Amino acid sequence: NNQTGKMQKVIALLVIVAVSSSLQNPVETESQTEVQLEVHQSEVESAAEAAPQPNFVIPFFTANWYKSVEYCNYLGLRLAVIDSREKEASLYAAVKDSDIYSNGSNLVWVGASDLADEGSFHWHATGKRVVYSNWADRQPDNGEQIEHCVEAGLHEYHRLSMKWQWNDRDCKANRYFVCERY
């Protein structure tokens, strides 16, 4: 994972700085050395915590929308909430970089549905109404009166052109899904 690699580089750099700093400023007593090492360890841990963590986790299996919510919650995460164009771009980039995309799939469950109130989509994890949206043409349509959960992915746009957009789908359909840290 690219983010993990960046975090490891940050930690390695901090360790190098800590070691070179202690070599340039030799410590005279053993207790001062221990204090110095504790300070450097603390700096490394702080840097690791401050290093950007991947926001999205994309399990490599499919599930219906309900099981997707359950699995994300089990991990201490939530099914992804897309509340801005920037966040959607980040999610799409994560999907494109994932194993599911190279496996030929791009349709993923996100955390919105109109299960509680037909036609009124809300984010399951927050209870907030969907304000930002990116629906495909003529969507949501509640096809066959059973489509209540939101999938995001490449959908036909104009003629033979694909565009990342949203669609309402039967919640019982199996899809890959995106969990999110919050």
N, C-alpha and C. Protein backbone atom coordinates (compact mmCIF):
# COMPACT_ATOMS: atom_id res chain seq x y z
N ASN A 1 0.84 -1.18 0.00
CA ASN A 1 0.00 0.00 0.00
C ASN A 1 0.88 1.23 0.00
N ASN A 2 0.56 2.19 -0.84
CA ASN A 2 1.35 3.40 -1.00
C ASN A 2 1.41 4.22 0.27
N GLN A 3 0.29 4.35 0.98
CA GLN A 3 0.25 5.13 2.22
C GLN A 3 1.13 4.48 3.29
N THR A 4 1.09 3.17 3.40
CA THR A 4 1.91 2.45 4.38
C THR A 4 3.38 2.67 4.06
N GLY A 5 3.75 2.61 2.79
CA GLY A 5 5.13 2.85 2.38
C GLY A 5 5.59 4.24 2.76
N LYS A 6 4.72 5.24 2.56
CA LYS A 6 5.07 6.61 2.93
C LYS A 6 5.28 6.72 4.44
N MET A 7 4.41 6.07 5.20
CA MET A 7 4.52 6.14 6.65
C MET A 7 5.84 5.49 7.10
N GLN A 8 6.21 4.37 6.50
CA GLN A 8 7.45 3.70 6.86
C GLN A 8 8.65 4.58 6.53
N LYS A 9 8.59 5.31 5.40
CA LYS A 9 9.68 6.22 5.04
C LYS A 9 9.80 7.36 6.04
N VAL A 10 8.66 7.90 6.50
CA VAL A 10 8.67 8.97 7.49
C VAL A 10 9.31 8.49 8.78
N ILE A 11 8.92 7.30 9.22
CA ILE A 11 9.48 6.75 10.46
C ILE A 11 10.98 6.50 10.31
N ALA A 12 11.40 5.93 9.18
CA ALA A 12 12.83 5.68 8.96
C ALA A 12 13.61 6.98 8.95
N LEU A 13 13.07 8.01 8.32
CA LEU A 13 13.73 9.31 8.28
C LEU A 13 13.87 9.89 9.67
N LEU A 14 12.83 9.77 10.48
CA LEU A 14 12.90 10.28 11.85
C LEU A 14 13.94 9.53 12.67
N VAL A 15 14.04 8.24 12.48
CA VAL A 15 15.05 7.46 13.20
C VAL A 15 16.45 7.90 12.78
N ILE A 16 16.66 8.12 11.48
CA ILE A 16 17.96 8.59 11.00
C ILE A 16 18.30 9.94 11.60
N VAL A 17 17.33 10.86 11.61
CA VAL A 17 17.54 12.18 12.20
C VAL A 17 17.86 12.05 13.69
N ALA A 18 17.15 11.19 14.38
CA ALA A 18 17.37 11.01 15.82
C ALA A 18 18.77 10.47 16.08
N VAL A 19 19.19 9.49 15.31
CA VAL A 19 20.52 8.90 15.51
C VAL A 19 21.61 9.91 15.16
N SER A 20 21.47 10.61 14.03
CA SER A 20 22.51 11.58 13.65
C SER A 20 22.55 12.73 14.64
N SER A 21 21.43 13.13 15.17
CA SER A 21 21.39 14.19 16.17
C SER A 21 22.13 13.77 17.43
N SER A 22 21.94 12.54 17.86
CA SER A 22 22.61 12.08 19.07
C SER A 22 24.11 11.91 18.82
N LEU A 23 24.53 11.62 17.58
CA LEU A 23 25.96 11.52 17.28
C LEU A 23 26.62 12.89 17.24
N GLN A 24 25.88 13.89 16.75
CA GLN A 24 26.42 15.25 16.69
C GLN A 24 26.50 15.89 18.07
N ASN A 25 25.63 15.50 18.97
CA ASN A 25 25.58 16.05 20.32
C ASN A 25 25.73 14.91 21.32
N PRO A 26 26.94 14.42 21.53
CA PRO A 26 27.12 13.27 22.42
C PRO A 26 26.59 13.56 23.82
N VAL A 27 25.99 12.56 24.40
CA VAL A 27 25.41 12.68 25.73
C VAL A 27 26.43 12.14 26.72
N GLU A 28 26.56 12.83 27.85
CA GLU A 28 27.64 12.48 28.76
C GLU A 28 27.30 11.38 29.73
N THR A 29 26.04 11.27 30.15
CA THR A 29 25.72 10.26 31.16
C THR A 29 24.73 9.26 30.62
N GLU A 30 24.69 8.09 31.27
CA GLU A 30 23.78 7.03 30.85
C GLU A 30 22.33 7.45 31.00
N SER A 31 21.99 8.14 32.08
CA SER A 31 20.59 8.55 32.30
C SER A 31 20.16 9.57 31.26
N GLN A 32 21.09 10.45 30.84
CA GLN A 32 20.75 11.41 29.78
C GLN A 32 20.52 10.68 28.46
N THR A 33 21.29 9.61 28.22
CA THR A 33 21.11 8.81 27.01
C THR A 33 19.73 8.17 26.99
N GLU A 34 19.30 7.62 28.13
CA GLU A 34 17.98 7.00 28.22
C GLU A 34 16.88 8.02 27.96
N VAL A 35 17.02 9.21 28.55
CA VAL A 35 16.03 10.27 28.33
C VAL A 35 15.99 10.65 26.86
N GLN A 36 17.18 10.80 26.25
CA GLN A 36 17.27 11.16 24.84
C GLN A 36 16.58 10.11 23.97
N LEU A 37 16.82 8.83 24.25
CA LEU A 37 16.19 7.76 23.48
C LEU A 37 14.68 7.77 23.66
N GLU A 38 14.21 8.02 24.87
CA GLU A 38 12.77 8.09 25.12
C GLU A 38 12.14 9.23 24.33
N VAL A 39 12.83 10.37 24.29
CA VAL A 39 12.32 11.52 23.53
C VAL A 39 12.25 11.17 22.05
N HIS A 40 13.32 10.56 21.51
CA HIS A 40 13.32 10.20 20.09
C HIS A 40 12.25 9.16 19.79
N GLN A 41 12.06 8.19 20.68
CA GLN A 41 11.01 7.18 20.50
C GLN A 41 9.65 7.86 20.47
N SER A 42 9.46 8.82 21.36
CA SER A 42 8.20 9.57 21.41
C SER A 42 7.98 10.33 20.11
N GLU A 43 9.05 10.94 19.58
CA GLU A 43 8.94 11.68 18.31
C GLU A 43 8.55 10.74 17.17
N VAL A 44 9.16 9.56 17.14
CA VAL A 44 8.85 8.57 16.10
C VAL A 44 7.40 8.13 16.20
N GLU A 45 6.93 7.84 17.42
CA GLU A 45 5.54 7.42 17.60
C GLU A 45 4.58 8.54 17.20
N SER A 46 4.90 9.78 17.55
CA SER A 46 4.05 10.91 17.16
C SER A 46 4.00 11.06 15.65
N ALA A 47 5.14 10.90 15.00
CA ALA A 47 5.18 11.00 13.54
C ALA A 47 4.36 9.90 12.90
N ALA A 48 4.43 8.70 13.46
CA ALA A 48 3.65 7.58 12.92
C ALA A 48 2.16 7.86 13.06
N GLU A 49 1.76 8.43 14.19
CA GLU A 49 0.35 8.75 14.39
C GLU A 49 -0.09 9.88 13.47
N ALA A 50 0.83 10.84 13.21
CA ALA A 50 0.49 11.99 12.37
C ALA A 50 0.54 11.65 10.89
N ALA A 51 1.27 10.60 10.52
CA ALA A 51 1.38 10.23 9.11
C ALA A 51 0.00 9.89 8.57
N PRO A 52 -0.29 10.31 7.34
CA PRO A 52 -1.62 10.05 6.79
C PRO A 52 -1.91 8.55 6.70
N GLN A 53 -3.07 8.18 7.17
CA GLN A 53 -3.51 6.79 7.11
C GLN A 53 -4.45 6.65 5.92
N PRO A 54 -4.46 5.49 5.29
CA PRO A 54 -5.44 5.30 4.21
C PRO A 54 -6.84 5.46 4.78
N ASN A 55 -7.68 6.23 4.10
CA ASN A 55 -9.04 6.47 4.59
C ASN A 55 -9.98 5.32 4.28
N PHE A 56 -9.66 4.56 3.24
CA PHE A 56 -10.59 3.55 2.78
C PHE A 56 -9.98 2.15 2.85
N VAL A 57 -10.84 1.20 3.17
CA VAL A 57 -10.46 -0.21 3.18
C VAL A 57 -11.43 -0.91 2.23
N ILE A 58 -10.90 -1.64 1.27
CA ILE A 58 -11.74 -2.31 0.27
C ILE A 58 -11.48 -3.81 0.37
N PRO A 59 -12.34 -4.53 1.11
CA PRO A 59 -12.15 -5.98 1.24
C PRO A 59 -12.26 -6.66 -0.13
N PHE A 60 -11.54 -7.76 -0.29
CA PHE A 60 -11.53 -8.45 -1.57
C PHE A 60 -12.56 -9.58 -1.60
N PHE A 61 -13.81 -9.24 -1.29
CA PHE A 61 -14.93 -10.17 -1.44
C PHE A 61 -16.20 -9.35 -1.59
N THR A 62 -17.22 -9.98 -2.13
CA THR A 62 -18.49 -9.29 -2.33
C THR A 62 -19.47 -9.67 -1.24
N ALA A 63 -20.43 -8.79 -1.03
CA ALA A 63 -21.48 -9.04 -0.04
C ALA A 63 -22.67 -8.16 -0.39
N ASN A 64 -23.83 -8.51 0.18
CA ASN A 64 -24.97 -7.61 -0.02
C ASN A 64 -24.75 -6.36 0.83
N TRP A 65 -25.60 -5.35 0.66
CA TRP A 65 -25.39 -4.07 1.34
C TRP A 65 -25.42 -4.24 2.86
N TYR A 66 -26.34 -5.05 3.36
CA TYR A 66 -26.48 -5.24 4.81
C TYR A 66 -25.22 -5.88 5.40
N LYS A 67 -24.71 -6.91 4.75
CA LYS A 67 -23.50 -7.59 5.22
C LYS A 67 -22.30 -6.65 5.11
N SER A 68 -22.30 -5.80 4.09
CA SER A 68 -21.22 -4.82 3.94
C SER A 68 -21.18 -3.86 5.12
N VAL A 69 -22.36 -3.36 5.52
CA VAL A 69 -22.46 -2.48 6.69
C VAL A 69 -21.94 -3.22 7.92
N GLU A 70 -22.40 -4.45 8.09
CA GLU A 70 -22.02 -5.26 9.25
C GLU A 70 -20.51 -5.50 9.29
N TYR A 71 -19.91 -5.83 8.16
CA TYR A 71 -18.48 -6.13 8.12
C TYR A 71 -17.65 -4.88 8.42
N CYS A 72 -18.02 -3.75 7.82
CA CYS A 72 -17.29 -2.50 8.10
C CYS A 72 -17.37 -2.18 9.59
N ASN A 73 -18.57 -2.30 10.17
CA ASN A 73 -18.73 -2.03 11.60
C ASN A 73 -17.88 -2.98 12.43
N TYR A 74 -17.81 -4.24 12.03
CA TYR A 74 -16.99 -5.22 12.74
C TYR A 74 -15.52 -4.79 12.78
N LEU A 75 -15.07 -4.15 11.70
CA LEU A 75 -13.69 -3.66 11.62
C LEU A 75 -13.49 -2.34 12.37
N GLY A 76 -14.58 -1.79 12.92
CA GLY A 76 -14.49 -0.49 13.58
C GLY A 76 -14.53 0.65 12.57
N LEU A 77 -15.06 0.36 11.39
CA LEU A 77 -15.15 1.33 10.30
C LEU A 77 -16.62 1.53 9.96
N ARG A 78 -16.89 2.25 8.91
CA ARG A 78 -18.26 2.40 8.43
C ARG A 78 -18.26 2.28 6.91
N LEU A 79 -19.42 1.92 6.36
CA LEU A 79 -19.56 1.91 4.91
C LEU A 79 -19.38 3.37 4.45
N ALA A 80 -18.62 3.58 3.40
CA ALA A 80 -18.17 4.91 3.00
C ALA A 80 -19.30 5.92 2.85
N VAL A 81 -19.04 7.11 3.35
CA VAL A 81 -19.94 8.26 3.22
C VAL A 81 -19.27 9.22 2.24
N ILE A 82 -19.96 9.55 1.16
CA ILE A 82 -19.41 10.46 0.15
C ILE A 82 -20.17 11.78 0.25
N ASP A 83 -19.57 12.76 0.89
CA ASP A 83 -20.28 14.01 1.10
C ASP A 83 -19.65 15.20 0.37
N SER A 84 -18.72 14.92 -0.54
CA SER A 84 -18.13 16.00 -1.34
C SER A 84 -17.49 15.41 -2.60
N ARG A 85 -17.28 16.27 -3.57
CA ARG A 85 -16.63 15.85 -4.82
C ARG A 85 -15.21 15.37 -4.53
N GLU A 86 -14.51 16.05 -3.61
CA GLU A 86 -13.14 15.69 -3.28
C GLU A 86 -13.07 14.29 -2.65
N LYS A 87 -14.01 14.03 -1.75
CA LYS A 87 -14.02 12.72 -1.10
C LYS A 87 -14.36 11.63 -2.11
N GLU A 88 -15.26 11.94 -3.01
CA GLU A 88 -15.60 10.95 -4.04
C GLU A 88 -14.39 10.67 -4.93
N ALA A 89 -13.63 11.70 -5.26
CA ALA A 89 -12.43 11.51 -6.08
C ALA A 89 -11.42 10.62 -5.34
N SER A 90 -11.28 10.81 -4.03
CA SER A 90 -10.38 9.98 -3.23
C SER A 90 -10.86 8.53 -3.21
N LEU A 91 -12.16 8.35 -3.07
CA LEU A 91 -12.72 6.99 -3.04
C LEU A 91 -12.51 6.31 -4.39
N TYR A 92 -12.79 7.03 -5.47
CA TYR A 92 -12.61 6.46 -6.81
C TYR A 92 -11.14 6.09 -7.03
N ALA A 93 -10.22 6.94 -6.59
CA ALA A 93 -8.78 6.64 -6.72
C ALA A 93 -8.43 5.38 -5.93
N ALA A 94 -9.01 5.23 -4.74
CA ALA A 94 -8.75 4.03 -3.93
C ALA A 94 -9.27 2.78 -4.63
N VAL A 95 -10.45 2.88 -5.24
CA VAL A 95 -11.01 1.74 -5.97
C VAL A 95 -10.12 1.40 -7.17
N LYS A 96 -9.70 2.43 -7.92
CA LYS A 96 -8.84 2.19 -9.09
C LYS A 96 -7.52 1.54 -8.70
N ASP A 97 -7.00 1.87 -7.52
CA ASP A 97 -5.73 1.31 -7.06
C ASP A 97 -5.88 -0.05 -6.39
N SER A 98 -7.10 -0.50 -6.22
CA SER A 98 -7.34 -1.73 -5.45
C SER A 98 -7.30 -2.98 -6.33
N ASP A 99 -7.26 -4.12 -5.65
CA ASP A 99 -7.28 -5.41 -6.34
C ASP A 99 -8.61 -5.66 -7.05
N ILE A 100 -9.70 -5.10 -6.53
CA ILE A 100 -11.00 -5.37 -7.17
C ILE A 100 -11.04 -4.76 -8.56
N TYR A 101 -10.42 -3.61 -8.74
CA TYR A 101 -10.42 -2.94 -10.04
C TYR A 101 -9.62 -3.75 -11.04
N SER A 102 -8.46 -4.24 -10.62
CA SER A 102 -7.65 -5.06 -11.52
C SER A 102 -8.31 -6.40 -11.78
N ASN A 103 -9.27 -6.76 -10.92
CA ASN A 103 -10.03 -8.00 -11.08
C ASN A 103 -11.20 -7.80 -12.05
N GLY A 104 -11.36 -6.59 -12.59
CA GLY A 104 -12.39 -6.32 -13.57
C GLY A 104 -13.68 -5.77 -13.01
N SER A 105 -13.71 -5.46 -11.73
CA SER A 105 -14.93 -4.93 -11.13
C SER A 105 -14.70 -3.51 -10.67
N ASN A 106 -15.76 -2.72 -10.72
CA ASN A 106 -15.65 -1.36 -10.21
C ASN A 106 -16.89 -0.92 -9.46
N LEU A 107 -17.93 -1.73 -9.40
CA LEU A 107 -19.15 -1.36 -8.69
C LEU A 107 -18.99 -1.68 -7.21
N VAL A 108 -19.21 -0.68 -6.37
CA VAL A 108 -19.02 -0.85 -4.93
C VAL A 108 -20.21 -0.25 -4.17
N TRP A 109 -20.53 -0.90 -3.06
CA TRP A 109 -21.53 -0.33 -2.16
C TRP A 109 -20.92 0.85 -1.41
N VAL A 110 -21.72 1.90 -1.26
CA VAL A 110 -21.40 2.99 -0.34
C VAL A 110 -22.54 3.07 0.66
N GLY A 111 -22.41 3.89 1.68
CA GLY A 111 -23.30 3.82 2.83
C GLY A 111 -24.61 4.56 2.79
N ALA A 112 -25.19 4.80 1.63
CA ALA A 112 -26.47 5.51 1.56
C ALA A 112 -27.59 4.58 1.11
N SER A 113 -28.80 4.87 1.59
CA SER A 113 -29.98 4.12 1.16
C SER A 113 -31.22 4.98 1.38
N ASP A 114 -32.32 4.52 0.80
CA ASP A 114 -33.62 5.14 1.10
C ASP A 114 -34.54 4.10 1.75
N LEU A 115 -33.93 3.17 2.48
CA LEU A 115 -34.69 2.09 3.13
C LEU A 115 -35.73 2.62 4.11
N ALA A 116 -35.41 3.68 4.83
CA ALA A 116 -36.32 4.20 5.85
C ALA A 116 -37.43 5.05 5.25
N ASP A 117 -37.16 5.69 4.12
CA ASP A 117 -38.12 6.63 3.53
C ASP A 117 -37.89 6.67 2.02
N GLU A 118 -38.71 5.95 1.28
CA GLU A 118 -38.56 5.82 -0.17
C GLU A 118 -38.34 7.19 -0.82
N GLY A 119 -37.26 7.26 -1.61
CA GLY A 119 -36.96 8.47 -2.35
C GLY A 119 -36.13 9.49 -1.58
N SER A 120 -35.92 9.26 -0.30
CA SER A 120 -35.14 10.18 0.53
C SER A 120 -33.88 9.44 1.01
N PHE A 121 -32.78 9.68 0.32
CA PHE A 121 -31.54 8.95 0.62
C PHE A 121 -30.79 9.60 1.78
N HIS A 122 -30.36 8.73 2.70
CA HIS A 122 -29.60 9.16 3.88
C HIS A 122 -28.37 8.28 4.03
N TRP A 123 -27.34 8.84 4.68
CA TRP A 123 -26.14 8.07 5.00
C TRP A 123 -26.41 7.24 6.24
N HIS A 124 -26.27 5.95 6.12
CA HIS A 124 -26.57 5.02 7.20
C HIS A 124 -25.78 5.35 8.47
N ALA A 125 -24.49 5.64 8.34
CA ALA A 125 -23.62 5.82 9.51
C ALA A 125 -23.85 7.13 10.23
N THR A 126 -24.36 8.14 9.53
CA THR A 126 -24.52 9.46 10.15
C THR A 126 -25.97 9.88 10.32
N GLY A 127 -26.86 9.26 9.56
CA GLY A 127 -28.26 9.67 9.59
C GLY A 127 -28.53 10.94 8.79
N LYS A 128 -27.48 11.51 8.19
CA LYS A 128 -27.63 12.76 7.44
C LYS A 128 -28.17 12.48 6.04
N ARG A 129 -29.00 13.40 5.58
CA ARG A 129 -29.54 13.32 4.23
C ARG A 129 -28.41 13.47 3.21
N VAL A 130 -28.50 12.74 2.11
CA VAL A 130 -27.52 12.87 1.04
C VAL A 130 -27.73 14.24 0.39
N VAL A 131 -26.72 15.10 0.51
CA VAL A 131 -26.79 16.43 -0.09
C VAL A 131 -25.95 16.44 -1.38
N TYR A 132 -24.66 16.12 -1.25
CA TYR A 132 -23.83 15.96 -2.44
C TYR A 132 -24.21 14.63 -3.07
N SER A 133 -24.38 14.60 -4.39
CA SER A 133 -24.67 13.34 -5.07
C SER A 133 -24.07 13.37 -6.47
N ASN A 134 -23.98 12.20 -7.06
CA ASN A 134 -23.43 12.06 -8.40
C ASN A 134 -24.18 10.94 -9.12
N TRP A 135 -25.49 11.09 -9.20
CA TRP A 135 -26.34 10.06 -9.79
C TRP A 135 -26.11 9.94 -11.29
N ALA A 136 -26.14 8.72 -11.78
CA ALA A 136 -26.12 8.46 -13.22
C ALA A 136 -27.43 8.99 -13.81
N ASP A 137 -27.45 9.15 -15.11
CA ASP A 137 -28.64 9.65 -15.80
C ASP A 137 -29.86 8.79 -15.46
N ARG A 138 -30.96 9.43 -15.14
CA ARG A 138 -32.24 8.79 -14.79
C ARG A 138 -32.15 7.94 -13.52
N GLN A 139 -31.25 8.29 -12.63
CA GLN A 139 -31.12 7.58 -11.36
C GLN A 139 -31.28 8.59 -10.22
N PRO A 140 -31.74 8.18 -9.09
CA PRO A 140 -32.22 6.84 -8.74
C PRO A 140 -33.60 6.59 -9.35
N ASP A 141 -33.87 5.34 -9.68
CA ASP A 141 -35.15 5.02 -10.33
C ASP A 141 -35.97 3.97 -9.59
N ASN A 142 -35.44 3.41 -8.50
CA ASN A 142 -36.14 2.37 -7.75
C ASN A 142 -36.68 1.30 -8.69
N GLY A 143 -35.80 0.82 -9.58
CA GLY A 143 -36.18 -0.20 -10.55
C GLY A 143 -36.88 -1.39 -9.91
N GLU A 144 -37.99 -1.79 -10.51
CA GLU A 144 -38.80 -2.92 -10.03
C GLU A 144 -39.24 -2.74 -8.58
N GLN A 145 -39.19 -1.50 -8.11
CA GLN A 145 -39.61 -1.16 -6.73
C GLN A 145 -38.77 -1.85 -5.66
N ILE A 146 -37.54 -2.27 -6.01
CA ILE A 146 -36.70 -2.98 -5.03
C ILE A 146 -35.31 -2.37 -4.88
N GLU A 147 -35.04 -1.25 -5.53
CA GLU A 147 -33.70 -0.66 -5.48
C GLU A 147 -33.66 0.45 -4.44
N HIS A 148 -32.94 0.20 -3.35
CA HIS A 148 -32.92 1.15 -2.23
C HIS A 148 -31.53 1.48 -1.72
N CYS A 149 -30.49 0.78 -2.18
CA CYS A 149 -29.14 1.01 -1.68
C CYS A 149 -28.27 1.58 -2.80
N VAL A 150 -27.26 2.36 -2.41
CA VAL A 150 -26.46 3.09 -3.40
C VAL A 150 -25.16 2.36 -3.71
N GLU A 151 -24.96 2.14 -5.02
CA GLU A 151 -23.68 1.64 -5.51
C GLU A 151 -23.02 2.76 -6.30
N ALA A 152 -21.71 2.79 -6.26
CA ALA A 152 -20.95 3.74 -7.06
C ALA A 152 -20.08 2.92 -8.00
N GLY A 153 -19.84 3.46 -9.18
CA GLY A 153 -19.00 2.75 -10.13
C GLY A 153 -19.09 3.36 -11.50
N LEU A 154 -18.44 2.72 -12.45
CA LEU A 154 -18.47 3.21 -13.82
C LEU A 154 -19.79 2.79 -14.46
N HIS A 155 -20.53 3.78 -14.92
CA HIS A 155 -21.81 3.55 -15.58
C HIS A 155 -21.77 4.18 -16.96
N GLU A 156 -22.57 3.64 -17.87
CA GLU A 156 -22.59 4.19 -19.22
C GLU A 156 -23.04 5.63 -19.18
N TYR A 157 -22.30 6.47 -19.85
CA TYR A 157 -22.57 7.90 -19.89
C TYR A 157 -22.54 8.30 -21.36
N HIS A 158 -23.60 8.87 -21.83
CA HIS A 158 -23.78 9.13 -23.26
C HIS A 158 -23.67 7.79 -23.99
N ARG A 159 -22.99 7.74 -25.08
CA ARG A 159 -22.94 6.50 -25.84
C ARG A 159 -21.55 5.88 -25.77
N LEU A 160 -21.48 4.69 -25.25
CA LEU A 160 -20.24 3.92 -25.15
C LEU A 160 -19.16 4.61 -24.33
N SER A 161 -19.55 5.55 -23.51
CA SER A 161 -18.59 6.24 -22.66
C SER A 161 -18.92 5.90 -21.21
N MET A 162 -17.91 5.65 -20.41
CA MET A 162 -18.14 5.28 -19.02
C MET A 162 -17.75 6.44 -18.11
N LYS A 163 -18.52 6.62 -17.06
CA LYS A 163 -18.26 7.69 -16.11
C LYS A 163 -18.57 7.18 -14.71
N TRP A 164 -17.74 7.55 -13.72
CA TRP A 164 -17.95 7.16 -12.33
C TRP A 164 -19.19 7.89 -11.81
N GLN A 165 -20.24 7.12 -11.47
CA GLN A 165 -21.48 7.72 -11.00
C GLN A 165 -22.17 6.77 -10.03
N TRP A 166 -23.31 7.21 -9.52
CA TRP A 166 -24.08 6.43 -8.55
C TRP A 166 -25.33 5.85 -9.20
N ASN A 167 -25.80 4.77 -8.60
CA ASN A 167 -27.02 4.11 -9.03
C ASN A 167 -27.68 3.49 -7.80
N ASP A 168 -29.01 3.43 -7.80
CA ASP A 168 -29.67 2.67 -6.73
C ASP A 168 -29.81 1.23 -7.20
N ARG A 169 -29.62 0.29 -6.28
CA ARG A 169 -29.59 -1.13 -6.62
C ARG A 169 -30.30 -1.91 -5.52
N ASP A 170 -30.77 -3.10 -5.86
CA ASP A 170 -31.35 -4.00 -4.86
C ASP A 170 -30.30 -4.28 -3.79
N CYS A 171 -30.63 -4.02 -2.55
CA CYS A 171 -29.68 -4.16 -1.43
C CYS A 171 -29.19 -5.59 -1.25
N LYS A 172 -29.91 -6.56 -1.83
CA LYS A 172 -29.52 -7.97 -1.70
C LYS A 172 -28.49 -8.39 -2.74
N ALA A 173 -28.20 -7.51 -3.70
CA ALA A 173 -27.19 -7.82 -4.73
C ALA A 173 -25.80 -7.85 -4.08
N ASN A 174 -24.96 -8.71 -4.58
CA ASN A 174 -23.58 -8.78 -4.08
C ASN A 174 -22.69 -7.82 -4.85
N ARG A 175 -21.94 -7.03 -4.11
CA ARG A 175 -21.01 -6.06 -4.66
C ARG A 175 -19.76 -6.04 -3.78
N TYR A 176 -18.67 -5.56 -4.34
CA TYR A 176 -17.56 -5.18 -3.48
C TYR A 176 -18.05 -3.96 -2.71
N PHE A 177 -17.31 -3.55 -1.70
CA PHE A 177 -17.76 -2.40 -0.91
C PHE A 177 -16.56 -1.67 -0.33
N VAL A 178 -16.80 -0.44 0.08
CA VAL A 178 -15.73 0.41 0.59
C VAL A 178 -16.04 0.80 2.03
N CYS A 179 -15.15 0.38 2.93
CA CYS A 179 -15.25 0.80 4.34
C CYS A 179 -14.40 2.05 4.50
N GLU A 180 -14.76 2.85 5.49
CA GLU A 180 -14.07 4.12 5.70
C GLU A 180 -13.72 4.30 7.17
N ARG A 181 -12.51 4.84 7.40
CA ARG A 181 -12.14 5.26 8.75
C ARG A 181 -12.83 6.58 9.03
N TYR A 182 -13.25 6.77 10.25
CA TYR A 182 -13.88 8.05 10.60
C TYR A 182 -13.50 8.46 11.99
